[in-house]
Amino acid sequence: MKFFRHILAAAALACAVLPLSAQAAYPDKPIRLIVPFPPGGGTDALAREVATKIGADTGWSFVVENHPGAGGNIGVNMAAQATPDGYTIVLGQTSNLAINATLYTHLPYDPEKSLTPIGLVAQAPLVLVTGAKSPIKTLADMVKAAKAKPGSLTVATSGVGTVAHLTTVELQKNAGIKVTHVPYKGAEQGLTDVISGRVDMYMSSVPTLIGPIRSGMVHALAVTSLKRSDNIPDVPTLAESGYPGFEGITWFGPLGPANLPAGVVKTLNDALVKALKSLQIEKQFTSQGAMVDISSPQEFATLIHKDRIRWGQLVKETGAHID
């Protein structure tokens, strides 16, 4: 009996140290992919396109679930609280990973301690637009008008503390101007009001505004990426419009709970990178105004940390907070 006990103990130890590939194959059941925003939006579209492509490449199954609310915090927290086995991940983005930790008084998770980054998926620049009938046709026009009557121009965004809002704050600092912020609860009303002239300008992501720009409903003044957007190549960047180095983008990437096994992270990142290198994904993202952004898990973690500091400082300057 003593001999058999030694054999069993040795077998148990061997199983404990076996690499993931030698144990049960991962994944051997559907992966739950949480989208922390409503169906039909930009984050939802990116999540479903990537999941579909990875599934086609690997044979894996994904169940995409939308859990919106509290600026994405509800869905992200669900992933943070999940078992760290690789079967629950979330597609996070700039707001809920780099901004909300400062904006919200009580955030139920720590973006850097409660989650394991897997890799970036995409980035999308913002674009500042005016209504088609507005006399403001260039960024220089806007700055001149804002300096002539400080606070008289209005700029709409999809909410307080969003990337768009904080980017307008940074632009005002760089340009030495003051405009009045008009926050909305979503993108649709802001677009309606800039088209009608109720507000002078609107700052939102290229995916949100690419259709209205192409149709001539709004006029684009500048994009916030360092390089021009391939989707609207005639629109100059803020960096080339007199503000060198200016950048304000929204990025997206999947994460799992803290302590996700390294083997699982590598398996997911390898599949993600392969999918993102496909022409199919590039075309799908480009059609929506987004750009493929490939990274390692560590590079993603570094970006979260860097942008948490950057955007957090701007949140503090605005005095914005949500209880």
Protein backbone atom coordinates (compact mmCIF):
# COMPACT_ATOMS: atom_id res chain seq x y z
CA MET A 1 0.00 0.00 0.00
CA LYS A 2 2.85 2.34 0.82
CA PHE A 3 4.31 1.72 -2.64
CA PHE A 4 1.01 2.59 -4.35
CA ARG A 5 0.66 5.74 -2.26
CA HIS A 6 4.06 6.89 -3.55
CA ILE A 7 3.01 6.14 -7.12
CA LEU A 8 -0.22 8.14 -6.75
CA ALA A 9 1.61 11.05 -5.16
CA ALA A 10 4.15 11.12 -7.94
CA ALA A 11 1.40 11.04 -10.56
CA ALA A 12 -0.43 13.91 -8.90
CA LEU A 13 2.77 15.96 -8.80
CA ALA A 14 3.45 15.27 -12.46
CA CYS A 15 -0.04 16.47 -13.42
CA ALA A 16 0.44 19.63 -11.40
CA VAL A 17 3.57 20.63 -13.27
CA LEU A 18 2.51 19.54 -16.75
CA PRO A 19 2.21 22.43 -19.22
CA LEU A 20 -1.25 23.47 -20.29
CA SER A 21 -0.89 21.73 -23.64
CA ALA A 22 -0.31 18.40 -21.93
CA GLN A 23 -3.39 18.73 -19.75
CA ALA A 24 -6.94 19.21 -20.99
CA ALA A 25 -6.83 21.08 -24.29
CA TYR A 26 -7.82 24.73 -24.07
CA PRO A 27 -10.38 25.68 -25.04
CA ASP A 28 -12.60 22.62 -24.85
CA LYS A 29 -15.88 24.54 -24.43
CA PRO A 30 -17.33 27.88 -25.60
CA ILE A 31 -15.59 31.08 -24.55
CA ARG A 32 -17.82 33.79 -23.12
CA LEU A 33 -16.94 37.18 -24.62
CA ILE A 34 -18.50 40.08 -22.74
CA VAL A 35 -19.18 43.35 -24.56
CA PRO A 36 -19.71 46.08 -21.93
CA PHE A 37 -21.84 48.20 -24.27
CA PRO A 38 -25.19 47.73 -26.08
CA PRO A 39 -25.60 45.66 -29.25
CA GLY A 40 -25.01 47.47 -32.53
CA GLY A 41 -22.30 49.86 -31.37
CA GLY A 42 -18.67 50.03 -32.43
CA THR A 43 -17.34 47.88 -29.59
CA ASP A 44 -19.99 45.26 -30.24
CA ALA A 45 -19.17 45.11 -33.96
CA LEU A 46 -15.43 44.71 -33.32
CA ALA A 47 -16.04 41.95 -30.78
CA ARG A 48 -18.29 39.94 -33.06
CA GLU A 49 -16.04 40.31 -36.10
CA VAL A 50 -12.93 39.17 -34.22
CA ALA A 51 -14.76 36.30 -32.50
CA THR A 52 -16.15 35.11 -35.83
CA LYS A 53 -12.72 35.20 -37.48
CA ILE A 54 -10.96 33.41 -34.62
CA GLY A 55 -13.72 30.82 -34.61
CA ALA A 56 -13.26 30.25 -38.34
CA ASP A 57 -9.49 29.93 -37.93
CA THR A 58 -9.48 27.63 -34.92
CA GLY A 59 -12.87 25.96 -34.62
CA TRP A 60 -13.39 27.55 -31.21
CA SER A 61 -16.87 28.65 -30.12
CA PHE A 62 -17.63 32.08 -28.69
CA VAL A 63 -20.77 33.29 -26.94
CA VAL A 64 -20.92 37.08 -27.21
CA GLU A 65 -22.90 38.70 -24.38
CA ASN A 66 -23.79 42.39 -24.09
CA HIS A 67 -23.77 43.76 -20.54
CA PRO A 68 -23.93 47.57 -20.84
CA GLY A 69 -24.14 50.14 -18.09
CA ALA A 70 -22.07 52.56 -15.99
CA GLY A 71 -19.72 53.47 -18.80
CA GLY A 72 -18.80 49.85 -19.40
CA ASN A 73 -17.99 49.19 -15.74
CA ILE A 74 -20.67 46.53 -15.26
CA GLY A 75 -19.43 44.28 -18.05
CA VAL A 76 -15.77 44.74 -17.20
CA ASN A 77 -16.43 43.92 -13.55
CA MET A 78 -18.23 40.71 -14.55
CA ALA A 79 -15.04 39.58 -16.27
CA ALA A 80 -12.89 40.68 -13.35
CA GLN A 81 -14.99 38.54 -10.99
CA ALA A 82 -14.97 35.46 -13.24
CA THR A 83 -12.94 32.30 -12.66
CA PRO A 84 -9.47 32.81 -14.22
CA ASP A 85 -9.66 29.83 -16.57
CA GLY A 86 -9.87 31.60 -19.93
CA TYR A 87 -13.56 30.96 -20.48
CA THR A 88 -14.71 34.50 -19.65
CA ILE A 89 -13.08 37.52 -21.30
CA VAL A 90 -14.20 41.08 -21.97
CA LEU A 91 -13.50 43.56 -24.76
CA GLY A 92 -12.44 46.63 -22.82
CA GLN A 93 -11.55 50.05 -24.14
CA THR A 94 -10.04 53.37 -23.14
CA SER A 95 -12.92 54.67 -21.02
CA ASN A 96 -13.41 51.68 -18.75
CA LEU A 97 -9.70 50.81 -18.50
CA ALA A 98 -7.92 54.19 -18.42
CA ILE A 99 -10.47 56.87 -17.49
CA ASN A 100 -13.13 55.46 -15.20
CA ALA A 101 -10.72 54.68 -12.37
CA THR A 102 -10.41 58.44 -11.82
CA LEU A 103 -13.85 59.50 -13.03
CA TYR A 104 -15.90 57.15 -10.84
CA THR A 105 -15.81 57.58 -7.08
CA HIS A 106 -16.36 53.87 -6.49
CA LEU A 107 -15.03 51.63 -9.26
CA PRO A 108 -15.64 47.95 -8.44
CA TYR A 109 -12.41 46.79 -10.11
CA ASP A 110 -8.84 47.99 -10.57
CA PRO A 111 -8.00 48.10 -14.31
CA GLU A 112 -4.39 47.09 -13.62
CA LYS A 113 -4.83 44.60 -10.77
CA SER A 114 -8.20 42.93 -11.42
CA LEU A 115 -7.63 41.99 -15.07
CA THR A 116 -5.14 40.23 -17.34
CA PRO A 117 -4.54 41.98 -20.69
CA ILE A 118 -4.51 39.65 -23.72
CA GLY A 119 -3.74 42.05 -26.55
CA LEU A 120 -5.01 45.04 -28.47
CA VAL A 121 -7.52 44.68 -31.28
CA ALA A 122 -8.02 48.12 -32.78
CA GLN A 123 -7.76 51.82 -32.31
CA ALA A 124 -9.98 54.59 -33.60
CA PRO A 125 -9.12 58.28 -33.78
CA LEU A 126 -11.59 60.98 -32.93
CA VAL A 127 -12.66 63.69 -35.34
CA LEU A 128 -13.91 67.22 -34.72
CA VAL A 129 -16.78 68.23 -36.99
CA THR A 130 -19.09 71.16 -37.63
CA GLY A 131 -22.45 71.24 -39.39
CA ALA A 132 -22.44 71.44 -43.16
CA LYS A 133 -23.87 74.97 -43.02
CA SER A 134 -21.45 76.25 -40.39
CA PRO A 135 -19.05 79.04 -41.39
CA ILE A 136 -16.31 77.19 -39.50
CA LYS A 137 -14.57 75.09 -42.16
CA THR A 138 -11.07 74.64 -40.72
CA LEU A 139 -9.44 74.23 -37.33
CA ALA A 140 -7.91 77.68 -37.76
CA ASP A 141 -11.43 79.10 -38.25
CA MET A 142 -12.52 77.49 -35.01
CA VAL A 143 -9.55 78.74 -32.98
CA LYS A 144 -10.00 82.28 -34.34
CA ALA A 145 -13.71 82.29 -33.46
CA ALA A 146 -13.07 80.84 -30.01
CA LYS A 147 -10.44 83.48 -29.21
CA ALA A 148 -12.70 86.28 -30.43
CA LYS A 149 -15.47 85.29 -27.99
CA PRO A 150 -14.17 82.94 -25.26
CA GLY A 151 -16.80 80.41 -24.19
CA SER A 152 -19.24 81.29 -26.94
CA LEU A 153 -18.60 78.23 -29.10
CA THR A 154 -20.15 74.94 -27.99
CA VAL A 155 -18.71 71.47 -28.48
CA ALA A 156 -20.78 68.34 -27.96
CA THR A 157 -19.49 64.93 -26.86
CA SER A 158 -21.11 61.68 -25.82
CA GLY A 159 -20.60 62.41 -22.13
CA VAL A 160 -18.56 63.84 -19.26
CA GLY A 161 -15.21 62.14 -18.80
CA THR A 162 -15.22 60.37 -22.16
CA VAL A 163 -12.16 60.29 -24.40
CA ALA A 164 -13.89 62.85 -26.63
CA HIS A 165 -14.55 65.22 -23.71
CA LEU A 166 -11.01 64.97 -22.35
CA THR A 167 -9.55 65.42 -25.82
CA THR A 168 -11.46 68.69 -26.20
CA VAL A 169 -10.05 69.79 -22.83
CA GLU A 170 -6.53 69.02 -24.02
CA LEU A 171 -7.14 70.84 -27.30
CA GLN A 172 -8.32 73.94 -25.45
CA LYS A 173 -5.14 73.91 -23.35
CA ASN A 174 -2.93 73.55 -26.41
CA ALA A 175 -4.75 76.21 -28.44
CA GLY A 176 -5.23 78.66 -25.58
CA ILE A 177 -8.98 78.84 -26.09
CA LYS A 178 -12.16 78.25 -24.11
CA VAL A 179 -15.28 76.56 -25.49
CA THR A 180 -18.40 75.35 -23.72
CA HIS A 181 -18.81 71.59 -23.33
CA VAL A 182 -22.26 70.11 -24.02
CA PRO A 183 -22.35 66.48 -22.84
CA TYR A 184 -24.93 64.02 -24.15
CA LYS A 185 -25.77 60.50 -23.01
CA GLY A 186 -24.84 59.00 -26.35
CA ALA A 187 -23.62 59.72 -29.86
CA GLU A 188 -26.91 60.08 -31.75
CA GLN A 189 -28.27 63.26 -30.14
CA GLY A 190 -24.97 65.09 -30.43
CA LEU A 191 -24.82 64.31 -34.13
CA THR A 192 -28.39 65.49 -34.64
CA ASP A 193 -27.70 68.77 -32.86
CA VAL A 194 -24.49 69.63 -34.71
CA ILE A 195 -26.23 68.97 -38.04
CA SER A 196 -29.11 71.24 -37.05
CA GLY A 197 -26.81 73.93 -35.66
CA ARG A 198 -27.92 73.68 -32.03
CA VAL A 199 -24.27 73.11 -31.13
CA ASP A 200 -21.29 74.46 -33.04
CA MET A 201 -19.04 71.40 -32.99
CA TYR A 202 -19.08 67.72 -32.19
CA MET A 203 -16.15 65.52 -31.17
CA SER A 204 -16.60 61.77 -31.56
CA SER A 205 -14.88 58.72 -33.00
CA VAL A 206 -14.27 58.28 -36.73
CA PRO A 207 -16.45 55.12 -36.77
CA THR A 208 -19.35 57.16 -35.41
CA LEU A 209 -18.95 60.05 -37.84
CA ILE A 210 -17.52 58.51 -40.99
CA GLY A 211 -20.96 58.10 -42.59
CA PRO A 212 -22.12 61.69 -41.98
CA ILE A 213 -18.73 63.01 -43.14
CA ARG A 214 -18.86 61.05 -46.40
CA SER A 215 -22.46 62.09 -47.03
CA GLY A 216 -21.68 65.77 -46.47
CA MET A 217 -23.96 66.14 -43.44
CA VAL A 218 -21.03 67.40 -41.36
CA HIS A 219 -17.65 68.93 -42.17
CA ALA A 220 -14.50 67.45 -40.59
CA LEU A 221 -11.96 69.91 -39.19
CA ALA A 222 -9.27 67.51 -37.93
CA VAL A 223 -8.63 63.98 -36.70
CA THR A 224 -6.85 63.26 -33.42
CA SER A 225 -4.48 60.49 -34.54
CA LEU A 226 -0.82 61.22 -35.29
CA LYS A 227 -1.35 60.06 -38.88
CA ARG A 228 -4.30 60.79 -41.13
CA SER A 229 -7.12 58.27 -41.14
CA ASP A 230 -7.20 56.01 -44.19
CA ASN A 231 -10.97 56.36 -44.14
CA ILE A 232 -10.97 60.15 -44.50
CA PRO A 233 -7.49 60.89 -45.89
CA ASP A 234 -8.34 64.48 -46.87
CA VAL A 235 -8.91 65.46 -43.23
CA PRO A 236 -5.73 66.85 -41.56
CA THR A 237 -4.53 65.77 -38.14
CA LEU A 238 -4.35 68.09 -35.16
CA ALA A 239 -0.64 67.34 -35.08
CA GLU A 240 -0.13 68.79 -38.56
CA SER A 241 -2.54 71.65 -37.89
CA GLY A 242 -0.24 73.39 -35.46
CA TYR A 243 -0.22 71.03 -32.47
CA PRO A 244 2.74 68.65 -32.89
CA GLY A 245 2.47 65.37 -31.04
CA PHE A 246 -1.23 65.81 -30.26
CA GLU A 247 -2.99 62.46 -30.09
CA GLY A 248 -6.31 61.31 -28.67
CA ILE A 249 -7.54 57.87 -29.64
CA THR A 250 -9.87 55.17 -28.38
CA TRP A 251 -8.37 51.69 -28.26
CA PHE A 252 -9.93 48.28 -27.72
CA GLY A 253 -8.64 44.94 -26.47
CA PRO A 254 -9.71 41.75 -24.69
CA LEU A 255 -8.83 40.95 -21.09
CA GLY A 256 -9.48 38.11 -18.70
CA PRO A 257 -9.62 38.04 -14.89
CA ALA A 258 -6.47 38.56 -12.85
CA ASN A 259 -4.15 35.55 -12.59
CA LEU A 260 -5.12 34.16 -15.98
CA PRO A 261 -2.60 31.34 -16.68
CA ALA A 262 0.26 32.35 -18.98
CA GLY A 263 -0.49 29.43 -21.30
CA VAL A 264 -4.08 30.58 -21.77
CA VAL A 265 -2.96 34.17 -22.41
CA LYS A 266 -0.50 33.00 -25.06
CA THR A 267 -3.07 30.76 -26.75
CA LEU A 268 -5.56 33.62 -26.93
CA ASN A 269 -3.01 36.18 -28.07
CA ASP A 270 -1.66 33.88 -30.80
CA ALA A 271 -5.17 33.34 -32.16
CA LEU A 272 -5.95 37.05 -31.89
CA VAL A 273 -2.81 38.11 -33.76
CA LYS A 274 -3.48 35.62 -36.55
CA ALA A 275 -7.03 36.93 -36.98
CA LEU A 276 -5.94 40.57 -36.97
CA LYS A 277 -3.36 39.95 -39.70
CA SER A 278 -6.07 38.76 -42.08
CA LEU A 279 -7.19 40.94 -44.97
CA GLN A 280 -10.80 40.19 -44.00
CA ILE A 281 -10.49 41.86 -40.58
CA GLU A 282 -8.52 44.77 -42.01
CA LYS A 283 -11.29 45.47 -44.54
CA GLN A 284 -14.05 45.13 -41.94
CA PHE A 285 -12.33 47.46 -39.49
CA THR A 286 -11.44 50.01 -42.16
CA SER A 287 -15.03 50.14 -43.38
CA GLN A 288 -16.03 51.18 -39.85
CA GLY A 289 -13.30 53.79 -39.43
CA ALA A 290 -11.15 51.70 -37.10
CA MET A 291 -7.55 50.56 -37.54
CA VAL A 292 -6.11 47.16 -36.65
CA ASP A 293 -3.76 47.42 -33.65
CA ILE A 294 -1.68 44.34 -32.79
CA SER A 295 0.22 44.05 -29.51
CA SER A 296 1.63 41.66 -26.95
CA PRO A 297 -0.13 41.32 -23.57
CA GLN A 298 2.65 43.33 -21.93
CA GLU A 299 2.40 46.13 -24.47
CA PHE A 300 -1.33 46.30 -23.78
CA ALA A 301 -0.70 46.44 -20.03
CA THR A 302 1.83 49.26 -20.53
CA LEU A 303 -0.67 51.25 -22.60
CA ILE A 304 -3.36 50.90 -19.92
CA HIS A 305 -0.95 52.19 -17.27
CA LYS A 306 0.30 55.09 -19.39
CA ASP A 307 -3.16 56.25 -20.48
CA ARG A 308 -4.56 55.82 -16.97
CA ILE A 309 -2.07 58.44 -15.81
CA ARG A 310 -2.60 60.73 -18.80
CA TRP A 311 -6.41 60.76 -18.84
CA GLY A 312 -6.62 60.65 -15.05
CA GLN A 313 -4.77 63.95 -14.81
CA LEU A 314 -7.22 65.55 -17.24
CA VAL A 315 -10.21 64.19 -15.33
CA LYS A 316 -8.85 65.80 -12.17
CA GLU A 317 -8.34 69.10 -13.98
CA THR A 318 -11.96 69.16 -15.14
CA GLY A 319 -13.24 68.29 -11.67
CA ALA A 320 -15.54 65.69 -13.26
CA HIS A 321 -16.66 62.77 -11.14
CA ILE A 322 -19.48 60.22 -11.08
CA ASP A 323 -20.68 58.77 -7.76
